[in-house]
Protein backbone atom coordinates (compact mmCIF):
# COMPACT_ATOMS: atom_id res chain seq x y z
CA MET A 1 33.14 2.36 6.24
CA VAL A 2 34.56 5.52 4.73
CA ASN A 3 34.25 8.80 6.63
CA ASN A 4 33.04 10.80 3.65
CA PRO A 5 29.54 12.30 3.29
CA LEU A 6 29.44 11.68 -0.47
CA LEU A 7 31.14 8.27 -0.69
CA SER A 8 29.64 6.49 2.34
CA PRO A 9 26.05 6.22 1.01
CA LEU A 10 27.31 5.10 -2.41
CA LEU A 11 29.52 2.39 -0.91
CA LEU A 12 26.67 1.20 1.32
CA GLN A 13 24.38 0.99 -1.71
CA LEU A 14 26.99 -0.99 -3.66
CA ALA A 15 27.52 -3.40 -0.76
CA VAL A 16 23.80 -4.06 -0.25
CA TYR A 17 23.16 -4.51 -3.98
CA SER A 18 26.14 -6.86 -4.31
CA ALA A 19 24.93 -8.98 -1.37
CA ILE A 20 21.46 -9.33 -2.91
CA ASP A 21 22.87 -9.95 -6.40
CA ALA A 22 25.13 -12.73 -5.07
CA THR A 23 22.37 -14.55 -3.18
CA GLU A 24 19.09 -13.82 -4.99
CA ARG A 25 17.97 -13.42 -8.57
CA THR A 26 17.80 -9.79 -9.66
CA VAL A 27 15.63 -10.21 -12.77
CA GLY A 28 11.94 -10.99 -12.61
CA ALA A 29 9.25 -10.61 -9.98
CA SER A 30 10.51 -10.72 -6.41
CA SER A 31 9.99 -9.35 -2.95
CA VAL A 32 12.76 -8.45 -0.52
CA ARG A 33 12.52 -7.54 3.15
CA VAL A 34 15.31 -5.45 4.63
CA THR A 35 16.03 -4.86 8.31
CA GLY A 36 19.08 -3.37 9.93
CA GLU A 37 20.66 -0.57 11.90
CA VAL A 38 23.23 2.04 11.01
CA GLU A 39 25.19 3.55 13.88
CA PHE A 40 26.79 6.97 13.66
CA GLN A 41 29.54 8.32 15.85
CA ASN A 42 28.24 10.72 18.54
CA ALA A 43 24.62 10.00 17.60
CA PRO A 44 22.07 9.35 20.35
CA ALA A 45 20.55 6.29 18.64
CA PRO A 46 21.13 4.18 15.53
CA VAL A 47 19.04 4.63 12.38
CA ARG A 48 16.76 1.61 12.01
CA LEU A 49 15.98 0.25 8.56
CA GLU A 50 12.89 -1.90 8.13
CA ASN A 51 10.92 -2.20 4.92
CA MET A 52 9.63 -4.62 2.31
CA PHE A 53 9.90 -4.16 -1.44
CA ALA A 54 8.14 -5.99 -4.24
CA ALA A 55 8.60 -5.36 -7.94
CA ASP A 56 8.30 -7.05 -11.30
CA ASN A 57 11.89 -6.03 -11.99
CA GLY A 58 14.60 -4.18 -10.06
CA SER A 59 13.69 -4.89 -6.44
CA ALA A 60 17.39 -5.27 -5.57
CA MET A 61 18.01 -1.71 -6.72
CA LEU A 62 15.06 -0.42 -4.68
CA VAL A 63 16.37 -2.14 -1.55
CA SER A 64 19.92 -0.86 -1.99
CA LEU A 65 18.73 2.69 -2.59
CA SER A 66 16.54 2.63 0.52
CA ALA A 67 19.49 1.46 2.61
CA ALA A 68 21.69 4.27 1.32
CA VAL A 69 19.01 6.98 1.57
CA PRO A 70 16.58 5.92 4.34
CA TRP A 71 13.15 7.55 4.48
CA PRO A 72 11.91 8.85 7.82
CA THR A 73 9.11 6.82 9.38
């Protein structure tokens, strides 16, 4: 990963979207469940990602955006 506050989220979003695009269809109705952890240097605990997305179109983009900009739970 890149140690840059502006580039790191963008690169993570691109990587997640590319992984979904390569393995699943990105057009049409779909649902995607995402789980994972992001560890930060000198942080007390990793950030956990766990969510499910369903959409008529664009669920891959929703998933990749949520990985790059996680919402607090």
